[in-house]
Amino acid sequence: MKLSGLFYSLLTALLWGMASILDKLGLAKASPIVAVTLRSLAVCIASFIAMIKMV
């Protein structure tokens, strides 16, 4: 069964909004340098995984 583009758009909007809330809650008590380091590491790992899947 194919899902429509509208469903994917709504799912993306929901996850996009939840990600920032969870990010703020998870790093609320961390120092700024630790927070930036963790965010950068997560982006690097996600980018690397996406790059591997493309090959």
PDB file of N, CA and C in Angstrom:
ATOM      1  N   MET A   1       0.839  -1.177   0.000  1.00  0.00           N
ATOM      2  CA  MET A   1       0.000   0.000   0.000  1.00  0.00           C
ATOM      3  C   MET A   1       0.887   1.245   0.000  1.00  0.00           C
ATOM      4  N   LYS A   2       0.636   2.128  -0.929  1.00  0.00           N
ATOM      5  CA  LYS A   2       1.422   3.350  -1.006  1.00  0.00           C
ATOM      6  C   LYS A   2       0.817   4.414  -0.106  1.00  0.00           C
ATOM      7  N   LEU A   3       1.680   5.123   0.590  1.00  0.00           N
ATOM      8  CA  LEU A   3       1.217   6.233   1.411  1.00  0.00           C
ATOM      9  C   LEU A   3       1.319   7.522   0.609  1.00  0.00           C
ATOM     10  N   SER A   4       0.392   8.396   0.858  1.00  0.00           N
ATOM     11  CA  SER A   4       0.354   9.628   0.069  1.00  0.00           C
ATOM     12  C   SER A   4       1.422  10.615   0.523  1.00  0.00           C
ATOM     13  N   GLY A   5       1.670  11.582  -0.328  1.00  0.00           N
ATOM     14  CA  GLY A   5       2.634  12.626  -0.012  1.00  0.00           C
ATOM     15  C   GLY A   5       2.187  13.473   1.166  1.00  0.00           C
ATOM     16  N   LEU A   6       0.869  13.620   1.319  1.00  0.00           N
ATOM     17  CA  LEU A   6       0.337  14.386   2.435  1.00  0.00           C
ATOM     18  C   LEU A   6       0.698  13.727   3.768  1.00  0.00           C
ATOM     19  N   PHE A   7       0.598  12.400   3.825  1.00  0.00           N
ATOM     20  CA  PHE A   7       0.954  11.677   5.051  1.00  0.00           C
ATOM     21  C   PHE A   7       2.419  11.905   5.400  1.00  0.00           C
ATOM     22  N   TYR A   8       3.297  11.794   4.400  1.00  0.00           N
ATOM     23  CA  TYR A   8       4.720  11.999   4.652  1.00  0.00           C
ATOM     24  C   TYR A   8       5.017  13.438   5.065  1.00  0.00           C
ATOM     25  N   SER A   9       4.303  14.378   4.498  1.00  0.00           N
ATOM     26  CA  SER A   9       4.488  15.781   4.869  1.00  0.00           C
ATOM     27  C   SER A   9       4.085  16.025   6.315  1.00  0.00           C
ATOM     28  N   LEU A  10       2.954  15.479   6.717  1.00  0.00           N
ATOM     29  CA  LEU A  10       2.494  15.638   8.097  1.00  0.00           C
ATOM     30  C   LEU A  10       3.425  14.928   9.084  1.00  0.00           C
ATOM     31  N   LEU A  11       3.887  13.749   8.720  1.00  0.00           N
ATOM     32  CA  LEU A  11       4.824  13.020   9.575  1.00  0.00           C
ATOM     33  C   LEU A  11       6.135  13.782   9.734  1.00  0.00           C
ATOM     34  N   THR A  12       6.625  14.363   8.661  1.00  0.00           N
ATOM     35  CA  THR A  12       7.849  15.150   8.709  1.00  0.00           C
ATOM     36  C   THR A  12       7.687  16.362   9.605  1.00  0.00           C
ATOM     37  N   ALA A  13       6.566  17.062   9.478  1.00  0.00           N
ATOM     38  CA  ALA A  13       6.315  18.237  10.315  1.00  0.00           C
ATOM     39  C   ALA A  13       6.244  17.855  11.792  1.00  0.00           C
ATOM     40  N   LEU A  14       5.594  16.741  12.085  1.00  0.00           N
ATOM     41  CA  LEU A  14       5.488  16.278  13.475  1.00  0.00           C
ATOM     42  C   LEU A  14       6.855  15.928  14.052  1.00  0.00           C
ATOM     43  N   LEU A  15       7.643  15.158  13.320  1.00  0.00           N
ATOM     44  CA  LEU A  15       8.964  14.761  13.808  1.00  0.00           C
ATOM     45  C   LEU A  15       9.919  15.943  13.895  1.00  0.00           C
ATOM     46  N   TRP A  16       9.804  16.882  12.973  1.00  0.00           N
ATOM     47  CA  TRP A  16      10.649  18.072  12.982  1.00  0.00           C
ATOM     48  C   TRP A  16      10.396  18.876  14.253  1.00  0.00           C
ATOM     49  N   GLY A  17       9.143  19.034  14.613  1.00  0.00           N
ATOM     50  CA  GLY A  17       8.795  19.771  15.824  1.00  0.00           C
ATOM     51  C   GLY A  17       9.203  19.038  17.089  1.00  0.00           C
ATOM     52  N   MET A  18       9.026  17.732  17.100  1.00  0.00           N
ATOM     53  CA  MET A  18       9.386  16.955  18.286  1.00  0.00           C
ATOM     54  C   MET A  18      10.888  16.915  18.512  1.00  0.00           C
ATOM     55  N   ALA A  19      11.659  16.932  17.458  1.00  0.00           N
ATOM     56  CA  ALA A  19      13.117  16.840  17.584  1.00  0.00           C
ATOM     57  C   ALA A  19      13.679  18.023  18.360  1.00  0.00           C
ATOM     58  N   SER A  20      13.202  19.210  18.090  1.00  0.00           N
ATOM     59  CA  SER A  20      13.731  20.383  18.800  1.00  0.00           C
ATOM     60  C   SER A  20      13.329  20.370  20.278  1.00  0.00           C
ATOM     61  N   ILE A  21      12.130  19.903  20.568  1.00  0.00           N
ATOM     62  CA  ILE A  21      11.688  19.824  21.968  1.00  0.00           C
ATOM     63  C   ILE A  21      12.518  18.797  22.722  1.00  0.00           C
ATOM     64  N   LEU A  22      12.711  17.628  22.142  1.00  0.00           N
ATOM     65  CA  LEU A  22      13.506  16.595  22.797  1.00  0.00           C
ATOM     66  C   LEU A  22      14.961  17.016  22.942  1.00  0.00           C
ATOM     67  N   ASP A  23      15.465  17.759  21.977  1.00  0.00           N
ATOM     68  CA  ASP A  23      16.833  18.261  22.044  1.00  0.00           C
ATOM     69  C   ASP A  23      16.998  19.202  23.234  1.00  0.00           C
ATOM     70  N   LYS A  24      16.071  20.104  23.393  1.00  0.00           N
ATOM     71  CA  LYS A  24      16.146  21.064  24.499  1.00  0.00           C
ATOM     72  C   LYS A  24      15.995  20.377  25.855  1.00  0.00           C
ATOM     73  N   LEU A  25      15.097  19.410  25.947  1.00  0.00           N
ATOM     74  CA  LEU A  25      14.908  18.691  27.201  1.00  0.00           C
ATOM     75  C   LEU A  25      16.130  17.834  27.553  1.00  0.00           C
ATOM     76  N   GLY A  26      16.696  17.199  26.553  1.00  0.00           N
ATOM     77  CA  GLY A  26      17.830  16.311  26.801  1.00  0.00           C
ATOM     78  C   GLY A  26      19.112  17.034  27.154  1.00  0.00           C
ATOM     79  N   LEU A  27      19.287  18.246  26.635  1.00  0.00           N
ATOM     80  CA  LEU A  27      20.537  18.970  26.862  1.00  0.00           C
ATOM     81  C   LEU A  27      20.344  20.189  27.764  1.00  0.00           C
ATOM     82  N   ALA A  28      19.269  20.215  28.527  1.00  0.00           N
ATOM     83  CA  ALA A  28      18.954  21.386  29.350  1.00  0.00           C
ATOM     84  C   ALA A  28      20.020  21.651  30.415  1.00  0.00           C
ATOM     85  N   LYS A  29      20.570  20.601  30.994  1.00  0.00           N
ATOM     86  CA  LYS A  29      21.525  20.776  32.095  1.00  0.00           C
ATOM     87  C   LYS A  29      22.982  20.616  31.656  1.00  0.00           C
ATOM     88  N   ALA A  30      23.201  20.454  30.361  1.00  0.00           N
ATOM     89  CA  ALA A  30      24.565  20.274  29.864  1.00  0.00           C
ATOM     90  C   ALA A  30      25.205  21.636  29.601  1.00  0.00           C
ATOM     91  N   SER A  31      26.506  21.678  29.683  1.00  0.00           N
ATOM     92  CA  SER A  31      27.212  22.918  29.362  1.00  0.00           C
ATOM     93  C   SER A  31      27.112  23.165  27.857  1.00  0.00           C
ATOM     94  N   PRO A  32      27.237  24.403  27.424  1.00  0.00           N
ATOM     95  CA  PRO A  32      27.089  24.706  25.990  1.00  0.00           C
ATOM     96  C   PRO A  32      28.068  23.954  25.091  1.00  0.00           C
ATOM     97  N   ILE A  33      29.307  23.784  25.521  1.00  0.00           N
ATOM     98  CA  ILE A  33      30.287  23.099  24.677  1.00  0.00           C
ATOM     99  C   ILE A  33      29.947  21.615  24.536  1.00  0.00           C
ATOM    100  N   VAL A  34      29.447  21.011  25.598  1.00  0.00           N
ATOM    101  CA  VAL A  34      29.031  19.609  25.525  1.00  0.00           C
ATOM    102  C   VAL A  34      27.828  19.471  24.606  1.00  0.00           C
ATOM    103  N   ALA A  35      26.879  20.404  24.705  1.00  0.00           N
ATOM    104  CA  ALA A  35      25.686  20.361  23.866  1.00  0.00           C
ATOM    105  C   ALA A  35      26.045  20.477  22.384  1.00  0.00           C
ATOM    106  N   VAL A  36      26.915  21.399  22.047  1.00  0.00           N
ATOM    107  CA  VAL A  36      27.327  21.571  20.654  1.00  0.00           C
ATOM    108  C   VAL A  36      28.072  20.339  20.159  1.00  0.00           C
ATOM    109  N   THR A  37      28.915  19.783  21.004  1.00  0.00           N
ATOM    110  CA  THR A  37      29.673  18.587  20.625  1.00  0.00           C
ATOM    111  C   THR A  37      28.745  17.413  20.366  1.00  0.00           C
ATOM    112  N   LEU A  38      27.769  17.200  21.236  1.00  0.00           N
ATOM    113  CA  LEU A  38      26.834  16.086  21.053  1.00  0.00           C
ATOM    114  C   LEU A  38      25.983  16.268  19.800  1.00  0.00           C
ATOM    115  N   ARG A  39      25.515  17.476  19.565  1.00  0.00           N
ATOM    116  CA  ARG A  39      24.720  17.736  18.354  1.00  0.00           C
ATOM    117  C   ARG A  39      25.554  17.499  17.099  1.00  0.00           C
ATOM    118  N   SER A  40      26.785  17.982  17.104  1.00  0.00           N
ATOM    119  CA  SER A  40      27.656  17.813  15.936  1.00  0.00           C
ATOM    120  C   SER A  40      27.972  16.343  15.691  1.00  0.00           C
ATOM    121  N   LEU A  41      28.217  15.610  16.753  1.00  0.00           N
ATOM    122  CA  LEU A  41      28.497  14.183  16.626  1.00  0.00           C
ATOM    123  C   LEU A  41      27.290  13.446  16.069  1.00  0.00           C
ATOM    124  N   ALA A  42      26.100  13.778  16.537  1.00  0.00           N
ATOM    125  CA  ALA A  42      24.887  13.133  16.032  1.00  0.00           C
ATOM    126  C   ALA A  42      24.681  13.420  14.555  1.00  0.00           C
ATOM    127  N   VAL A  43      24.918  14.648  14.136  1.00  0.00           N
ATOM    128  CA  VAL A  43      24.759  15.007  12.725  1.00  0.00           C
ATOM    129  C   VAL A  43      25.800  14.282  11.872  1.00  0.00           C
ATOM    130  N   CYS A  44      27.022  14.187  12.348  1.00  0.00           N
ATOM    131  CA  CYS A  44      28.076  13.488  11.596  1.00  0.00           C
ATOM    132  C   CYS A  44      27.745  12.007  11.432  1.00  0.00           C
ATOM    133  N   ILE A  45      27.284  11.373  12.490  1.00  0.00           N
ATOM    134  CA  ILE A  45      26.945   9.950  12.424  1.00  0.00           C
ATOM    135  C   ILE A  45      25.765   9.723  11.486  1.00  0.00           C
ATOM    136  N   ALA A  46      24.726  10.561  11.605  1.00  0.00           N
ATOM    137  CA  ALA A  46      23.554  10.415  10.729  1.00  0.00           C
ATOM    138  C   ALA A  46      23.935  10.644   9.270  1.00  0.00           C
ATOM    139  N   SER A  47      24.790  11.621   9.009  1.00  0.00           N
ATOM    140  CA  SER A  47      25.231  11.889   7.637  1.00  0.00           C
ATOM    141  C   SER A  47      26.050  10.730   7.084  1.00  0.00           C
ATOM    142  N   PHE A  48      26.894  10.155   7.919  1.00  0.00           N
ATOM    143  CA  PHE A  48      27.714   9.027   7.498  1.00  0.00           C
ATOM    144  C   PHE A  48      26.846   7.823   7.161  1.00  0.00           C
ATOM    145  N   ILE A  49      25.840   7.553   7.985  1.00  0.00           N
ATOM    146  CA  ILE A  49      24.939   6.425   7.732  1.00  0.00           C
ATOM    147  C   ILE A  49      24.160   6.653   6.436  1.00  0.00           C
ATOM    148  N   ALA A  50      23.676   7.876   6.237  1.00  0.00           N
ATOM    149  CA  ALA A  50      22.934   8.186   5.013  1.00  0.00           C
ATOM    150  C   ALA A  50      23.835   8.039   3.784  1.00  0.00           C
ATOM    151  N   MET A  51      25.090   8.440   3.913  1.00  0.00           N
ATOM    152  CA  MET A  51      26.024   8.348   2.800  1.00  0.00           C
ATOM    153  C   MET A  51      26.308   6.878   2.459  1.00  0.00           C
ATOM    154  N   ILE A  52      26.447   6.053   3.471  1.00  0.00           N
ATOM    155  CA  ILE A  52      26.717   4.624   3.242  1.00  0.00           C
ATOM    156  C   ILE A  52      25.529   3.964   2.552  1.00  0.00           C
ATOM    157  N   LYS A  53      24.325   4.322   2.951  1.00  0.00           N
ATOM    158  CA  LYS A  53      23.131   3.710   2.361  1.00  0.00           C
ATOM    159  C   LYS A  53      22.944   4.106   0.910  1.00  0.00           C
ATOM    160  N   MET A  54      23.505   5.240   0.497  1.00  0.00           N
ATOM    161  CA  MET A  54      23.378   5.688  -0.890  1.00  0.00           C
ATOM    162  C   MET A  54      24.285   4.886  -1.823  1.00  0.00           C
ATOM    163  N   VAL A  55      25.335   4.324  -1.295  1.00  0.00           N
ATOM    164  CA  VAL A  55      26.310   3.619  -2.131  1.00  0.00           C
ATOM    165  C   VAL A  55      25.880   2.200  -2.389  1.00  0.00           C
TER     166      VAL A  55
END
